[in-house]
Protein backbone atom coordinates (compact mmCIF):
# COMPACT_ATOMS: atom_id res chain seq x y z
CA UNK A 1 -7.65 26.15 44.11
CA UNK A 2 -6.33 22.75 44.64
CA UNK A 3 -4.14 22.31 41.64
CA UNK A 4 -2.62 25.90 41.28
CA UNK A 5 -2.30 25.95 44.74
CA UNK A 6 -0.66 22.22 45.48
CA UNK A 7 1.51 22.84 42.64
CA UNK A 8 3.06 26.23 44.59
CA UNK A 9 4.56 24.50 47.76
CA UNK A 10 4.59 21.16 45.85
CA UNK A 11 6.43 21.98 42.89
CA UNK A 12 9.23 23.93 45.16
CA UNK A 13 9.91 20.65 47.01
CA UNK A 14 10.25 18.68 43.89
CA UNK A 15 12.83 20.57 42.02
CA UNK A 16 14.58 20.46 45.29
CA UNK A 17 17.29 17.81 45.30
CA UNK A 18 19.02 16.89 48.51
CA UNK A 19 22.38 18.47 47.06
CA UNK A 20 20.33 21.91 46.01
CA UNK A 21 19.02 21.79 49.41
CA UNK A 22 21.80 21.61 51.43
CA UNK A 23 23.55 24.29 49.20
CA UNK A 24 20.94 26.59 49.60
CA UNK A 25 21.21 26.01 53.29
CA UNK A 26 25.02 26.40 53.21
CA UNK A 27 24.60 30.27 52.04
CA UNK A 28 22.69 31.21 55.72
CA UNK A 29 24.69 28.38 58.14
CA UNK A 30 28.58 27.38 58.49
CA UNK A 31 29.49 23.91 58.84
CA UNK A 32 27.32 21.26 60.21
CA UNK A 33 27.61 18.88 57.16
CA UNK A 34 26.29 16.09 58.32
CA UNK A 35 22.81 18.19 60.19
CA UNK A 36 22.10 19.24 56.61
CA UNK A 37 22.12 16.57 54.98
CA UNK A 38 19.62 14.30 57.56
CA UNK A 39 17.24 17.30 56.75
CA UNK A 40 17.90 17.35 53.22
CA UNK A 41 17.02 13.55 53.14
CA UNK A 42 13.89 14.05 55.22
CA UNK A 43 12.65 16.78 53.01
CA UNK A 44 13.26 15.14 49.77
CA UNK A 45 11.27 11.95 51.32
CA UNK A 46 8.15 13.80 51.53
CA UNK A 47 8.41 14.61 47.96
CA UNK A 48 9.09 10.87 47.23
CA UNK A 49 6.37 10.27 49.74
CA UNK A 50 3.79 12.02 47.66
CA UNK A 51 4.29 10.07 44.59
CA UNK A 52 3.56 6.88 46.30
CA UNK A 53 -0.09 5.49 45.55
CA UNK A 54 -2.55 6.22 48.18
CA UNK A 55 -2.48 2.63 50.37
CA UNK A 56 1.15 2.83 50.67
CA UNK A 57 1.50 6.76 50.89
CA UNK A 58 -0.19 6.39 54.74
CA UNK A 59 2.28 3.91 55.73
CA UNK A 60 5.46 6.10 55.30
CA UNK A 61 5.95 7.82 58.34
CA UNK A 62 8.19 10.97 58.17
CA UNK A 63 11.48 10.66 59.88
CA UNK A 64 11.70 12.86 62.63
CA UNK A 65 15.34 14.09 63.68
CA UNK A 66 16.76 15.18 66.76
CA UNK A 67 19.77 17.68 66.61
CA UNK A 68 21.86 17.30 69.15
CA UNK A 69 24.83 20.26 70.16
CA UNK A 70 25.69 23.38 72.14
CA UNK A 71 23.87 26.56 72.18
CA UNK A 72 24.44 28.57 68.83
CA UNK A 73 25.49 26.40 66.54
CA UNK A 74 22.95 26.14 63.96
CA UNK A 75 20.31 23.96 64.68
CA UNK A 76 17.35 26.45 64.53
CA UNK A 77 18.65 28.43 61.41
CA UNK A 78 18.65 24.85 59.66
CA UNK A 79 15.40 24.11 60.51
CA UNK A 80 13.99 27.68 59.56
CA UNK A 81 15.83 27.94 56.13
CA UNK A 82 14.75 24.57 55.35
CA UNK A 83 11.01 25.76 55.63
CA UNK A 84 11.63 28.96 53.82
CA UNK A 85 13.04 26.69 50.64
CA UNK A 86 9.79 25.39 51.04
CA UNK A 87 7.08 27.54 51.85
CA UNK A 88 6.08 24.92 54.25
CA UNK A 89 4.17 25.58 57.36
CA UNK A 90 6.89 25.77 60.11
CA UNK A 91 6.70 26.84 63.84
CA UNK A 92 9.75 26.88 66.29
CA UNK A 93 8.61 25.86 69.72
CA UNK A 94 10.38 25.39 73.10
CA UNK A 95 9.91 22.23 75.16
CA UNK A 96 9.94 23.86 78.62
CA UNK A 97 6.74 26.08 78.01
CA UNK A 98 4.51 22.91 78.05
CA UNK A 99 3.17 21.69 81.25
CA UNK A 100 1.32 18.25 81.84
CA UNK A 101 -2.24 17.91 81.03
CA UNK A 102 -4.35 19.00 84.32
CA UNK A 103 -2.04 21.47 85.13
CA UNK A 104 -2.11 25.34 84.46
CA UNK A 105 -0.39 26.29 81.51
CA UNK A 106 -0.13 25.41 77.73
CA UNK A 107 -0.97 22.16 76.69
CA UNK A 108 1.51 20.25 73.84
CA UNK A 109 -1.72 20.29 71.64
CA UNK A 110 -1.34 24.23 70.95
CA UNK A 111 1.72 23.88 69.16
CA UNK A 112 -0.49 21.71 66.27
CA UNK A 113 -3.13 24.57 66.66
CA UNK A 114 -0.59 27.60 66.55
CA UNK A 115 1.00 25.61 63.06
CA UNK A 116 -2.48 25.58 61.74
CA UNK A 117 -3.04 29.42 62.59
CA UNK A 118 0.30 30.13 60.60
CA UNK A 119 -0.84 28.08 57.36
CA UNK A 120 -4.37 29.49 57.20
CA UNK A 121 -2.56 32.94 57.41
CA UNK A 122 0.10 32.09 54.79
CA UNK A 123 -2.42 30.49 52.28
CA UNK A 124 -4.61 33.41 53.11
CA UNK A 125 -1.70 35.84 52.00
CA UNK A 126 -0.99 33.67 49.00
CA UNK A 127 -4.54 33.77 47.88
CA UNK A 128 -5.08 37.79 48.66
CA UNK A 129 -2.06 38.63 46.46
CA UNK A 130 -3.62 36.19 43.22
CA UNK A 131 -6.89 38.60 44.27
CA UNK A 132 -5.43 42.12 43.60
CA UNK A 133 -6.09 42.76 40.54
CA UNK A 134 -9.38 41.36 40.66
CA UNK A 135 -10.37 43.89 43.69
CA UNK A 136 -8.34 47.00 42.24
CA UNK A 137 -11.87 47.75 40.20
CA UNK A 138 -14.46 47.90 43.15
CA UNK A 139 -11.85 49.21 45.33
CA UNK A 140 -11.44 52.05 42.93
CA UNK A 141 -15.19 52.93 42.66
CA UNK A 142 -15.51 52.86 46.15
CA UNK A 143 -12.57 55.49 46.74
CA UNK A 144 -14.26 57.51 43.63
CA UNK A 145 -17.64 57.25 45.60
CA UNK A 146 -15.83 59.19 48.69
CA UNK A 147 -14.10 61.82 46.20
CA UNK A 148 -17.34 62.39 44.84
CA UNK A 149 -20.07 61.47 47.07
CA UNK A 150 -23.11 62.17 45.06
CA UNK A 151 -22.13 60.40 42.04
CA UNK A 152 -23.73 56.93 42.96
CA UNK A 153 -24.35 54.92 40.15
CA UNK A 154 -28.50 54.24 40.37
CA UNK A 155 -28.49 58.14 40.51
CA UNK A 156 -26.63 58.67 37.18
CA UNK A 157 -28.79 55.96 35.61
CA UNK A 158 -32.11 57.66 36.60
CA UNK A 159 -33.16 60.11 33.92
CA UNK A 160 -36.31 62.54 33.88
CA UNK A 161 -38.09 60.59 31.88
CA UNK A 162 -37.81 57.01 34.21
CA UNK A 163 -40.09 58.92 37.02
CA UNK A 164 -38.70 59.80 40.72
CA UNK A 165 -35.33 61.13 39.16
CA UNK A 166 -33.03 62.56 41.64
CA UNK A 167 -30.78 64.24 38.96
CA UNK A 168 -30.97 65.62 35.01
CA UNK A 169 -29.32 63.52 32.35
CA UNK A 170 -27.08 67.47 31.90
CA UNK A 171 -26.34 67.13 35.53
CA UNK A 172 -25.86 63.01 35.36
CA UNK A 173 -23.27 63.45 32.16
CA UNK A 174 -21.86 66.44 34.23
CA UNK A 175 -21.17 64.42 36.97
CA UNK A 176 -19.96 61.60 34.67
CA UNK A 177 -17.58 63.37 33.30
CA UNK A 178 -15.99 64.40 36.53
CA UNK A 179 -15.65 61.13 37.78
CA UNK A 180 -14.32 59.97 34.77
CA UNK A 181 -11.72 63.11 35.69
CA UNK A 182 -11.00 62.11 38.76
CA UNK A 183 -10.45 58.10 38.08
CA UNK A 184 -8.09 59.60 35.59
CA UNK A 185 -5.95 61.42 38.13
CA UNK A 186 -6.24 58.66 40.46
CA UNK A 187 -4.31 56.15 38.27
CA UNK A 188 -2.01 58.76 37.88
CA UNK A 189 -1.34 59.46 41.25
CA UNK A 190 -2.14 63.02 41.16
CA UNK A 191 -4.69 62.73 44.02
CA UNK A 192 -2.41 60.72 46.74
CA UNK A 193 -2.63 63.25 49.34
CA UNK A 194 -6.29 64.81 49.21
CA UNK A 195 -8.23 63.75 52.23
CA UNK A 196 -11.00 61.41 51.96
CA UNK A 197 -13.50 60.08 55.25
CA UNK A 198 -13.21 56.35 55.58
CA UNK A 199 -15.26 53.99 57.82
CA UNK A 200 -13.45 51.53 59.61
CA UNK A 201 -14.96 48.74 61.45
CA UNK A 202 -13.37 47.79 64.94
CA UNK A 203 -12.51 44.43 66.27
CA UNK A 204 -13.87 43.11 69.10
CA UNK A 205 -11.78 40.71 69.60
CA UNK A 206 -9.37 42.34 72.10
CA UNK A 207 -12.50 42.36 74.73
CA UNK A 208 -13.27 38.71 74.04
CA UNK A 209 -9.55 38.03 75.28
CA UNK A 210 -10.18 40.17 78.41
CA UNK A 211 -13.25 38.47 79.57
CA UNK A 212 -12.20 34.64 78.26
CA UNK A 213 -8.80 34.48 79.04
CA UNK A 214 -5.90 32.20 77.86
CA UNK A 215 -8.42 29.77 78.20
CA UNK A 216 -9.59 30.32 74.71
CA UNK A 217 -7.36 28.19 73.24
CA UNK A 218 -7.98 25.15 74.42
CA UNK A 219 -11.77 25.00 73.82
CA UNK A 220 -11.08 24.37 70.25
CA UNK A 221 -13.60 26.99 68.71
CA UNK A 222 -13.71 30.10 67.38
CA UNK A 223 -15.82 32.38 69.47
CA UNK A 224 -14.77 35.71 67.67
CA UNK A 225 -16.62 33.81 64.68
CA UNK A 226 -19.68 32.82 67.07
CA UNK A 227 -20.29 35.54 69.06
CA UNK A 228 -19.89 38.15 65.81
CA UNK A 229 -23.81 38.48 65.96
CA UNK A 230 -23.50 39.12 69.61
CA UNK A 231 -20.98 41.28 69.65
CA UNK A 232 -21.71 43.57 66.39
CA UNK A 233 -18.74 45.31 65.22
CA UNK A 234 -18.61 49.05 65.57
CA UNK A 235 -17.56 51.47 63.01
CA UNK A 236 -15.61 54.63 63.30
CA UNK A 237 -14.66 57.41 60.89
CA UNK A 238 -11.35 58.54 60.23
CA UNK A 239 -9.80 61.01 57.65
CA UNK A 240 -6.87 59.72 55.54
CA UNK A 241 -5.01 60.60 52.44
CA UNK A 242 -6.33 59.04 49.60
CA UNK A 243 -2.97 57.15 49.03
CA UNK A 244 -3.95 55.30 52.45
CA UNK A 245 -7.49 54.90 51.71
CA UNK A 246 -6.95 53.30 48.34
CA UNK A 247 -4.87 50.07 50.51
CA UNK A 248 -7.51 49.58 53.24
CA UNK A 249 -10.74 49.73 50.71
CA UNK A 250 -8.47 47.47 48.67
CA UNK A 251 -7.84 45.18 51.54
CA UNK A 252 -11.51 44.90 51.90
CA UNK A 253 -12.37 44.28 48.89
CA UNK A 254 -10.01 41.17 48.73
CA UNK A 255 -10.96 39.59 51.93
CA UNK A 256 -14.95 39.70 50.28
CA UNK A 257 -13.04 37.64 47.42
CA UNK A 258 -11.84 35.04 49.44
CA UNK A 259 -13.53 31.90 50.01
CA UNK A 260 -12.12 31.12 53.42
CA UNK A 261 -13.51 26.98 53.40
CA UNK A 262 -11.34 26.79 50.50
CA UNK A 263 -8.02 28.69 52.31
CA UNK A 264 -9.05 26.37 55.34
CA UNK A 265 -9.11 23.14 53.61
CA UNK A 266 -5.67 23.95 51.91
CA UNK A 267 -4.27 25.43 54.89
CA UNK A 268 -4.87 22.21 56.83
CA UNK A 269 -3.80 20.00 53.96
CA UNK A 270 -0.57 21.64 54.10
CA UNK A 271 -0.20 21.20 57.90
CA UNK A 272 -0.80 17.46 57.45
CA UNK A 273 1.65 16.92 54.36
CA UNK A 274 3.88 19.35 54.78
CA UNK A 275 4.10 21.03 58.31
CA UNK A 276 7.37 21.29 60.07
CA UNK A 277 7.53 21.54 63.72
CA UNK A 278 10.91 22.57 65.53
CA UNK A 279 11.16 21.26 69.30
CA UNK A 280 13.66 23.36 70.83
CA UNK A 281 15.06 22.80 74.59
CA UNK A 282 14.10 19.26 74.70
CA UNK A 283 16.95 18.17 76.66
CA UNK A 284 15.44 20.34 79.83
CA UNK A 285 12.42 17.77 80.00
CA UNK A 286 15.09 14.45 79.70
CA UNK A 287 14.41 13.96 83.44
CA UNK A 288 12.95 10.77 84.75
CA UNK A 289 10.76 10.71 87.57
CA UNK A 290 12.52 10.53 90.88
CA UNK A 291 10.05 8.48 92.87
CA UNK A 292 9.01 11.93 94.65
CA UNK A 293 5.64 11.75 92.41
CA UNK A 294 5.21 12.96 88.97
CA UNK A 295 7.66 15.85 87.59
CA UNK A 296 5.66 18.12 85.99
CA UNK A 297 7.76 20.06 83.73
CA UNK A 298 9.80 16.93 82.66
CA UNK A 299 8.37 13.21 81.94
CA UNK A 300 4.34 14.46 82.06
CA UNK A 301 5.29 16.50 79.00
CA UNK A 302 7.43 13.53 77.26
CA UNK A 303 4.20 11.55 77.09
CA UNK A 304 1.79 14.15 76.09
CA UNK A 305 4.14 15.21 73.27
CA UNK A 306 4.85 11.36 72.12
CA UNK A 307 1.10 11.04 70.88
CA UNK A 308 1.37 14.39 68.68
CA UNK A 309 4.73 13.23 67.15
CA UNK A 310 3.54 8.94 66.98
CA UNK A 311 0.23 10.80 65.15
CA UNK A 312 -2.73 11.73 66.52
CA UNK A 313 -5.95 14.12 65.67
CA UNK A 314 -6.11 17.21 67.13
CA UNK A 315 -9.11 19.97 67.27
CA UNK A 316 -8.40 23.08 66.31
CA UNK A 317 -10.72 26.00 65.29
CA UNK A 318 -10.56 25.33 61.85
CA UNK A 319 -11.18 21.62 62.42
CA UNK A 320 -9.78 18.33 62.90
CA UNK A 321 -6.28 18.04 62.00
CA UNK A 322 -4.10 15.09 61.94
CA UNK A 323 -0.52 15.07 62.87
CA UNK A 324 0.86 11.18 61.55
CA UNK A 325 2.68 13.16 58.73
CA UNK A 326 3.78 16.21 60.22
CA UNK A 327 7.79 16.77 60.22
CA UNK A 328 9.05 17.13 64.19
CA UNK A 329 12.84 18.28 64.59
CA UNK A 330 14.01 17.77 68.30
CA UNK A 331 17.01 20.15 68.98
CA UNK A 332 18.87 20.24 72.28
CA UNK A 333 22.48 21.13 74.37
CA UNK A 334 22.19 18.14 76.64
CA UNK A 335 25.03 18.97 78.55
CA UNK A 336 23.74 17.76 81.65
CA UNK A 337 21.13 14.91 79.98
CA UNK A 338 21.53 12.72 77.15
CA UNK A 339 19.10 11.45 74.47
CA UNK A 340 18.62 7.83 76.25
CA UNK A 341 17.32 9.74 79.36
CA UNK A 342 13.92 10.68 77.24
CA UNK A 343 11.44 7.93 77.76
CA UNK A 344 11.80 4.87 75.03
CA UNK A 345 8.71 5.28 73.52
CA UNK A 346 9.66 8.84 72.32
CA UNK A 347 13.12 8.18 71.82
CA UNK A 348 11.80 5.61 69.10
CA UNK A 349 9.92 8.59 67.21
CA UNK A 350 13.00 10.46 66.64
CA UNK A 351 14.85 7.47 64.40
CA UNK A 352 17.61 10.27 63.15
CA UNK A 353 19.67 11.81 65.69
CA UNK A 354 22.68 14.12 64.18
CA UNK A 355 25.64 15.76 66.07
CA UNK A 356 26.54 19.16 65.41
CA UNK A 357 29.69 20.05 66.16
CA UNK A 358 31.05 23.12 68.28
CA UNK A 359 32.30 26.21 66.28
CA UNK A 360 36.31 27.07 65.89
CA UNK A 361 38.09 29.89 64.83
CA UNK A 362 37.80 29.05 61.36
CA UNK A 363 34.08 28.75 61.45
CA UNK A 364 33.91 32.77 63.23
CA UNK A 365 35.51 33.80 60.77
CA UNK A 366 33.15 32.29 57.51
CA UNK A 367 30.42 33.51 60.04
CA UNK A 368 31.15 36.62 59.96
CA UNK A 369 32.21 37.30 56.07
CA UNK A 370 30.53 34.18 54.07
CA UNK A 371 26.72 33.71 54.87
CA UNK A 372 24.11 35.98 52.80
CA UNK A 373 22.94 37.56 56.51
CA UNK A 374 26.55 37.76 57.46
CA UNK A 375 27.21 40.15 60.88
CA UNK A 376 30.14 41.83 58.86
CA UNK A 377 27.32 42.86 56.27
CA UNK A 378 24.64 43.78 58.49
CA UNK A 379 26.81 46.29 60.59
CA UNK A 380 28.35 47.91 57.01
CA UNK A 381 24.43 48.74 55.60
CA UNK A 382 22.92 49.68 59.03
CA UNK A 383 25.37 52.65 59.83
CA UNK A 384 25.35 53.32 55.74
CA UNK A 385 21.65 54.49 56.48
CA UNK A 386 24.05 57.11 58.84
CA UNK A 387 26.23 58.12 55.87
CA UNK A 388 29.11 56.37 57.42
CA UNK A 389 31.26 53.92 55.38
CA UNK A 390 32.48 50.85 57.35
CA UNK A 391 34.95 49.08 56.25
CA UNK A 392 36.27 45.67 58.13
CA UNK A 393 39.73 44.68 57.16
CA UNK A 394 40.81 41.08 56.99
CA UNK A 395 43.39 40.97 60.48
CA UNK A 396 39.69 42.73 62.25
CA UNK A 397 38.08 39.82 61.09
CA UNK A 398 40.63 37.13 62.26
CA UNK A 399 40.64 39.24 65.82
CA UNK A 400 37.05 38.72 66.44
CA UNK A 401 36.86 35.33 65.21
CA UNK A 402 39.54 34.87 68.03
CA UNK A 403 38.37 36.74 70.46
CA UNK A 404 34.93 34.96 70.29
CA UNK A 405 36.94 31.50 70.38
CA UNK A 406 38.92 32.35 73.35
CA UNK A 407 35.97 33.81 75.05
CA UNK A 408 33.64 30.57 74.42
CA UNK A 409 36.71 27.89 75.61
CA UNK A 410 37.10 29.90 78.82
CA UNK A 411 33.39 30.87 80.18
CA UNK A 412 30.00 29.08 78.59
CA UNK A 413 30.29 28.32 75.24
CA UNK A 414 27.38 30.19 73.29
CA UNK A 415 28.18 29.65 69.51
CA UNK A 416 27.77 32.12 67.14
CA UNK A 417 26.14 34.17 69.55
CA UNK A 418 29.49 35.21 71.04
CA UNK A 419 30.02 37.27 67.65
CA UNK A 420 27.06 39.34 68.47
CA UNK A 421 28.23 40.17 71.80
CA UNK A 422 31.95 41.11 70.93
CA UNK A 423 30.58 43.14 67.70
CA UNK A 424 28.54 45.20 69.69
CA UNK A 425 30.85 46.53 72.31
CA UNK A 426 33.67 47.17 69.13
CA UNK A 427 31.19 48.83 67.59
CA UNK A 428 29.59 50.75 70.44
CA UNK A 429 30.82 54.10 69.89
CA UNK A 430 30.58 54.71 66.57
CA UNK A 431 27.13 53.55 66.78
CA UNK A 432 26.53 56.07 69.20
CA UNK A 433 28.41 58.79 67.36
CA UNK A 434 27.74 57.98 63.79
CA UNK A 435 25.11 61.07 62.85
CA UNK A 436 27.09 63.58 64.08
CA UNK A 437 30.88 62.40 63.05
CA UNK A 438 32.54 64.19 60.84
CA UNK A 439 34.60 61.76 59.35
CA UNK A 440 31.94 59.32 57.32
CA UNK A 441 34.63 56.81 56.36
CA UNK A 442 35.71 54.02 59.23
CA UNK A 443 38.21 51.55 58.89
CA UNK A 444 38.13 48.61 61.77
CA UNK A 445 41.19 46.93 61.94
CA UNK A 446 43.16 44.19 64.02
CA UNK A 447 44.26 47.16 66.54
CA UNK A 448 40.96 48.99 67.16
CA UNK A 449 39.12 46.20 68.11
CA UNK A 450 41.98 45.33 70.60
CA UNK A 451 41.67 49.04 72.00
CA UNK A 452 37.57 48.59 72.74
CA UNK A 453 37.69 45.29 73.96
CA UNK A 454 41.30 45.68 76.12
CA UNK A 455 39.78 46.46 79.41
CA UNK A 456 37.03 43.78 79.48
CA UNK A 457 39.88 41.33 78.04
CA UNK A 458 42.34 42.11 80.98
CA UNK A 459 39.68 42.01 83.70
CA UNK A 460 38.77 38.23 83.44
CA UNK A 461 35.99 38.68 85.72
CA UNK A 462 34.35 41.28 83.71
CA UNK A 463 34.75 39.35 80.51
CA UNK A 464 32.70 36.87 82.33
CA UNK A 465 29.75 39.23 82.85
CA UNK A 466 30.28 41.60 79.61
CA UNK A 467 31.53 39.08 76.93
């Protein structure tokens, strides 16, 4: 698997220059050029490191990044798009959900366990796609066995003169012909609706979770696998259409062909060399002890995160995973605290700091229309499913952008998320009545926007609650 599988992900990184990375992120994130440049360089450095001789390669540590900026300006989206570009294992976690070792709650090592789980599923999914063709034939044979139960291969091969024959030569040939006809009909899709009975294996994992509770993750062992013999999976029979039965049987055949040792080895390699962990809300743990005993949710968590970022070995149910070359991107608004409030050791492990600027009115206009997943495009597509042709005039876009900017200035600044709130309010009536509307073409202009939001905008207290 190694060489071909390695090239899939690493070739992507090799072929992406920092300029191309920024250009790709620009399709989804407006502005924030400095942050985009920083993550593009960090990603390219991963490829450069892979080209170094082994003795030097291990010495090159990833340049971890802290993104500083208010909520809703694109911090998470930049990191998410970066991971998607390369198909690298990526996980987003909130620093606030971890507690210091010795207290009830999630320990910081669980972020690496979660990242490894994700990588295993990712590699397994890729391997499954490669094996679809190979698994088609055995899946088809099993499906034919369900459609024509007595036509087992061993029965068809036993002739009268071989002793102990179950069926005659003539009957065997007839069954073979019937089976081939069924095969032809199956391939032509003429049997899709016919019902067959399949045997499904019931999973015992939910029961294990009940007995072991949340502590199962910290045990670093794969209990379902270990206790598989003690709690054998029961089977149940279910009648399903041939189309669904084919998917079930194909999935089972693919699972049989997957070499899990190979999958796990590749997943761990990817996590260690290409993994990206996005730690959000890092500002919420940026407090210092106040001299009244340890602060569990703050400095204690920082001290536990430090070795993970610095480079340690975490035990997962798939084996040992080293974190030395995982890229960590931390983010926070830092309204109350500031990056210098983090413990010095942790600050030193995030050498790159970028400040993301608050969004202005012009940015909001672009966010509404420019990105590939722009809000306006989303709402037009959603209502199109109900047969409604939605159209936004330029002055409507400008009015929505202006209102979002004004409300952010007057109340809490939640960045681009304010656009979601305003758009929902503007389109509330249309979304509610879409199915029964007689006039299926609707133009949204500035006057319509003001009409829908007039009462809320006049009442400042209401603006604070609703927008």
